[in-house]
């Protein structure tokens, strides 16, 4: 794999995930709700998983992906349980677009599962392509929900 081609990807990933916390920050005058904390926890889990996924792609060691995804899935499960229990998940901005957020989130998780399946099968190119797609999906979501 050509490392020179991965450098821009790494820079973008660090930039996007480095701003994850800004994208889900709560204005100073409001206290975060429990639903917001769960959403933040899911984003932190995703950031941690994605750092390892990038390493896995660079090092061509796809076995790193499955354990890295576990923490992300745990956070996602907490969000799903909260929703099932009737808890409201609050977005930091654009709450009126919550249905669109859920659609993008579901699509993202489908792509994430596709990445995991490709990693299990040892499909390096598919993993790399899915990693790019997931990053693009992160950017689209942050552009739509951070403004």
C-alpha atoms as a PDB file:
ATOM      1  CA  UNK A   1       0.000   0.000   0.000  1.00  0.00           C
ATOM      2  CA  UNK A   2       1.322   3.448  -0.881  1.00  0.00           C
ATOM      3  CA  UNK A   3       1.850   5.372   2.359  1.00  0.00           C
ATOM      4  CA  UNK A   4       1.985   8.711   0.533  1.00  0.00           C
ATOM      5  CA  UNK A   5      -1.641   8.196  -0.517  1.00  0.00           C
ATOM      6  CA  UNK A   6      -2.675   7.550   3.085  1.00  0.00           C
ATOM      7  CA  UNK A   7      -1.163  10.716   4.553  1.00  0.00           C
ATOM      8  CA  UNK A   8      -4.005  12.995   3.334  1.00  0.00           C
ATOM      9  CA  UNK A   9      -6.533  10.476   4.628  1.00  0.00           C
ATOM     10  CA  UNK A  10      -4.888  10.443   8.045  1.00  0.00           C
ATOM     11  CA  UNK A  11      -4.829  14.240   8.152  1.00  0.00           C
ATOM     12  CA  UNK A  12      -8.523  14.382   7.285  1.00  0.00           C
ATOM     13  CA  UNK A  13      -9.422  11.715   9.845  1.00  0.00           C
ATOM     14  CA  UNK A  14      -7.530  13.510  12.590  1.00  0.00           C
ATOM     15  CA  UNK A  15      -9.162  16.778  11.579  1.00  0.00           C
ATOM     16  CA  UNK A  16     -12.678  15.354  11.483  1.00  0.00           C
ATOM     17  CA  UNK A  17     -12.410  13.307  14.647  1.00  0.00           C
ATOM     18  CA  UNK A  18     -10.431  15.988  16.398  1.00  0.00           C
ATOM     19  CA  UNK A  19     -13.466  18.208  15.938  1.00  0.00           C
ATOM     20  CA  UNK A  20     -16.001  15.567  16.936  1.00  0.00           C
ATOM     21  CA  UNK A  21     -16.248  17.087  20.359  1.00  0.00           C
ATOM     22  CA  UNK A  22     -16.808  20.548  18.912  1.00  0.00           C
ATOM     23  CA  UNK A  23     -19.576  19.188  16.715  1.00  0.00           C
ATOM     24  CA  UNK A  24     -21.472  17.765  19.661  1.00  0.00           C
ATOM     25  CA  UNK A  25     -20.639  20.405  22.222  1.00  0.00           C
ATOM     26  CA  UNK A  26     -23.384  21.886  24.304  1.00  0.00           C
ATOM     27  CA  UNK A  27     -23.808  25.652  24.527  1.00  0.00           C
ATOM     28  CA  UNK A  28     -22.508  27.048  27.816  1.00  0.00           C
ATOM     29  CA  UNK A  29     -25.940  28.154  28.991  1.00  0.00           C
ATOM     30  CA  UNK A  30     -27.468  24.680  28.831  1.00  0.00           C
ATOM     31  CA  UNK A  31     -26.658  21.508  30.674  1.00  0.00           C
ATOM     32  CA  UNK A  32     -26.231  18.354  28.626  1.00  0.00           C
ATOM     33  CA  UNK A  33     -29.068  15.892  28.826  1.00  0.00           C
ATOM     34  CA  UNK A  34     -28.501  12.199  29.425  1.00  0.00           C
ATOM     35  CA  UNK A  35     -29.401  11.610  25.765  1.00  0.00           C
ATOM     36  CA  UNK A  36     -26.692  14.030  24.726  1.00  0.00           C
ATOM     37  CA  UNK A  37     -24.162  12.242  26.927  1.00  0.00           C
ATOM     38  CA  UNK A  38     -25.026   8.932  25.276  1.00  0.00           C
ATOM     39  CA  UNK A  39     -24.592  10.460  21.844  1.00  0.00           C
ATOM     40  CA  UNK A  40     -21.246  11.919  22.898  1.00  0.00           C
ATOM     41  CA  UNK A  41     -20.199   8.521  24.277  1.00  0.00           C
ATOM     42  CA  UNK A  42     -21.038   6.912  20.947  1.00  0.00           C
ATOM     43  CA  UNK A  43     -18.946   9.510  19.109  1.00  0.00           C
ATOM     44  CA  UNK A  44     -15.987   8.925  21.440  1.00  0.00           C
ATOM     45  CA  UNK A  45     -16.287   5.163  20.851  1.00  0.00           C
ATOM     46  CA  UNK A  46     -16.358   5.784  17.120  1.00  0.00           C
ATOM     47  CA  UNK A  47     -13.316   8.031  17.287  1.00  0.00           C
ATOM     48  CA  UNK A  48     -11.353   5.387  19.179  1.00  0.00           C
ATOM     49  CA  UNK A  49     -12.429   2.636  16.800  1.00  0.00           C
ATOM     50  CA  UNK A  50     -11.599   4.740  13.752  1.00  0.00           C
ATOM     51  CA  UNK A  51      -8.085   5.458  14.987  1.00  0.00           C
ATOM     52  CA  UNK A  52      -7.459   1.719  15.156  1.00  0.00           C
ATOM     53  CA  UNK A  53      -9.151   1.124  11.794  1.00  0.00           C
ATOM     54  CA  UNK A  54      -6.785   3.635  10.188  1.00  0.00           C
ATOM     55  CA  UNK A  55      -3.861   1.784  11.775  1.00  0.00           C
ATOM     56  CA  UNK A  56      -5.277  -1.520  10.511  1.00  0.00           C
ATOM     57  CA  UNK A  57      -5.509  -0.167   6.956  1.00  0.00           C
ATOM     58  CA  UNK A  58      -2.021   1.337   7.046  1.00  0.00           C
ATOM     59  CA  UNK A  59      -0.453  -1.773   8.564  1.00  0.00           C
ATOM     60  CA  UNK A  60      -2.580  -4.160   6.469  1.00  0.00           C
ATOM     61  CA  UNK A  61      -3.575  -5.893   9.715  1.00  0.00           C
ATOM     62  CA  UNK A  62      -7.330  -6.267   9.448  1.00  0.00           C
ATOM     63  CA  UNK A  63      -7.483  -8.379  12.600  1.00  0.00           C
ATOM     64  CA  UNK A  64      -7.247  -5.136  14.588  1.00  0.00           C
ATOM     65  CA  UNK A  65     -10.680  -4.017  13.422  1.00  0.00           C
ATOM     66  CA  UNK A  66     -13.001  -6.429  15.217  1.00  0.00           C
ATOM     67  CA  UNK A  67     -11.814  -5.687  18.768  1.00  0.00           C
ATOM     68  CA  UNK A  68     -11.658  -1.962  18.003  1.00  0.00           C
ATOM     69  CA  UNK A  69     -15.293  -1.956  16.936  1.00  0.00           C
ATOM     70  CA  UNK A  70     -16.475  -3.572  20.184  1.00  0.00           C
ATOM     71  CA  UNK A  71     -16.372  -0.359  22.257  1.00  0.00           C
ATOM     72  CA  UNK A  72     -18.210   1.532  19.542  1.00  0.00           C
ATOM     73  CA  UNK A  73     -20.921  -1.136  19.468  1.00  0.00           C
ATOM     74  CA  UNK A  74     -21.292  -0.983  23.268  1.00  0.00           C
ATOM     75  CA  UNK A  75     -21.920   2.748  23.100  1.00  0.00           C
ATOM     76  CA  UNK A  76     -24.404   2.278  20.265  1.00  0.00           C
ATOM     77  CA  UNK A  77     -26.244  -0.358  22.302  1.00  0.00           C
ATOM     78  CA  UNK A  78     -26.619   2.124  25.178  1.00  0.00           C
ATOM     79  CA  UNK A  79     -28.207   4.642  22.822  1.00  0.00           C
ATOM     80  CA  UNK A  80     -30.588   2.016  21.429  1.00  0.00           C
ATOM     81  CA  UNK A  81     -31.576   0.867  24.947  1.00  0.00           C
ATOM     82  CA  UNK A  82     -32.231   4.448  25.989  1.00  0.00           C
ATOM     83  CA  UNK A  83     -34.445   5.019  22.969  1.00  0.00           C
ATOM     84  CA  UNK A  84     -36.315   1.755  23.636  1.00  0.00           C
ATOM     85  CA  UNK A  85     -36.880   2.914  27.210  1.00  0.00           C
ATOM     86  CA  UNK A  86     -38.461   6.107  25.900  1.00  0.00           C
ATOM     87  CA  UNK A  87     -35.519   8.407  26.597  1.00  0.00           C
ATOM     88  CA  UNK A  88     -35.181  11.323  24.226  1.00  0.00           C
ATOM     89  CA  UNK A  89     -31.874  11.716  22.398  1.00  0.00           C
ATOM     90  CA  UNK A  90     -31.080  15.386  21.991  1.00  0.00           C
ATOM     91  CA  UNK A  91     -28.892  16.750  19.243  1.00  0.00           C
ATOM     92  CA  UNK A  92     -26.735  19.774  20.098  1.00  0.00           C
ATOM     93  CA  UNK A  93     -28.127  21.570  17.039  1.00  0.00           C
ATOM     94  CA  UNK A  94     -30.843  21.019  14.444  1.00  0.00           C
ATOM     95  CA  UNK A  95     -33.155  18.907  16.599  1.00  0.00           C
ATOM     96  CA  UNK A  96     -35.835  19.553  13.974  1.00  0.00           C
ATOM     97  CA  UNK A  97     -33.772  17.377  11.596  1.00  0.00           C
ATOM     98  CA  UNK A  98     -33.655  14.428  13.991  1.00  0.00           C
ATOM     99  CA  UNK A  99     -35.299  12.007  11.523  1.00  0.00           C
ATOM    100  CA  UNK A 100     -32.644  12.831   8.929  1.00  0.00           C
ATOM    101  CA  UNK A 101     -29.963  12.327  11.586  1.00  0.00           C
ATOM    102  CA  UNK A 102     -31.355   8.861  12.357  1.00  0.00           C
ATOM    103  CA  UNK A 103     -31.391   7.979   8.641  1.00  0.00           C
ATOM    104  CA  UNK A 104     -27.747   9.025   8.261  1.00  0.00           C
ATOM    105  CA  UNK A 105     -26.837   7.198  11.467  1.00  0.00           C
ATOM    106  CA  UNK A 106     -28.504   3.968  10.331  1.00  0.00           C
ATOM    107  CA  UNK A 107     -26.759   4.217   6.942  1.00  0.00           C
ATOM    108  CA  UNK A 108     -23.442   4.825   8.701  1.00  0.00           C
ATOM    109  CA  UNK A 109     -23.865   1.753  10.895  1.00  0.00           C
ATOM    110  CA  UNK A 110     -24.720  -0.372   7.845  1.00  0.00           C
ATOM    111  CA  UNK A 111     -21.470   0.773   6.221  1.00  0.00           C
ATOM    112  CA  UNK A 112     -19.578   0.116   9.429  1.00  0.00           C
ATOM    113  CA  UNK A 113     -20.922  -3.457   9.525  1.00  0.00           C
ATOM    114  CA  UNK A 114     -19.864  -3.879   5.873  1.00  0.00           C
ATOM    115  CA  UNK A 115     -16.358  -2.782   6.833  1.00  0.00           C
ATOM    116  CA  UNK A 116     -16.290  -5.316   9.671  1.00  0.00           C
ATOM    117  CA  UNK A 117     -17.459  -8.131   7.393  1.00  0.00           C
ATOM    118  CA  UNK A 118     -14.831  -7.247   4.807  1.00  0.00           C
ATOM    119  CA  UNK A 119     -12.168  -7.241   7.533  1.00  0.00           C
ATOM    120  CA  UNK A 120     -13.283 -10.693   8.706  1.00  0.00           C
ATOM    121  CA  UNK A 121     -12.939 -11.951   5.125  1.00  0.00           C
ATOM    122  CA  UNK A 122      -9.521 -10.311   4.702  1.00  0.00           C
ATOM    123  CA  UNK A 123     -10.726  -8.038   1.883  1.00  0.00           C
ATOM    124  CA  UNK A 124      -8.181  -5.229   2.181  1.00  0.00           C
ATOM    125  CA  UNK A 125      -9.429  -3.141  -0.736  1.00  0.00           C
ATOM    126  CA  UNK A 126     -13.033  -3.300   0.454  1.00  0.00           C
ATOM    127  CA  UNK A 127     -11.922  -2.308   3.973  1.00  0.00           C
ATOM    128  CA  UNK A 128      -9.968   0.642   2.570  1.00  0.00           C
ATOM    129  CA  UNK A 129     -12.912   1.720   0.391  1.00  0.00           C
ATOM    130  CA  UNK A 130     -15.370   1.390   3.294  1.00  0.00           C
ATOM    131  CA  UNK A 131     -13.018   3.400   5.501  1.00  0.00           C
ATOM    132  CA  UNK A 132     -13.088   6.206   2.925  1.00  0.00           C
ATOM    133  CA  UNK A 133     -16.879   5.984   2.670  1.00  0.00           C
ATOM    134  CA  UNK A 134     -17.294   6.117   6.435  1.00  0.00           C
ATOM    135  CA  UNK A 135     -15.078   9.167   6.650  1.00  0.00           C
ATOM    136  CA  UNK A 136     -17.105  10.843   3.902  1.00  0.00           C
ATOM    137  CA  UNK A 137     -20.292  10.007   5.837  1.00  0.00           C
ATOM    138  CA  UNK A 138     -18.805  11.602   8.971  1.00  0.00           C
ATOM    139  CA  UNK A 139     -18.084  14.797   7.076  1.00  0.00           C
ATOM    140  CA  UNK A 140     -21.584  14.911   5.552  1.00  0.00           C
ATOM    141  CA  UNK A 141     -23.224  14.428   8.944  1.00  0.00           C
ATOM    142  CA  UNK A 142     -21.067  17.006  10.680  1.00  0.00           C
ATOM    143  CA  UNK A 143     -21.676  19.515   7.903  1.00  0.00           C
ATOM    144  CA  UNK A 144     -25.424  19.053   8.268  1.00  0.00           C
ATOM    145  CA  UNK A 145     -25.675  18.954  12.044  1.00  0.00           C
ATOM    146  CA  UNK A 146     -22.958  21.293  13.283  1.00  0.00           C
ATOM    147  CA  UNK A 147     -24.310  24.405  11.545  1.00  0.00           C
END
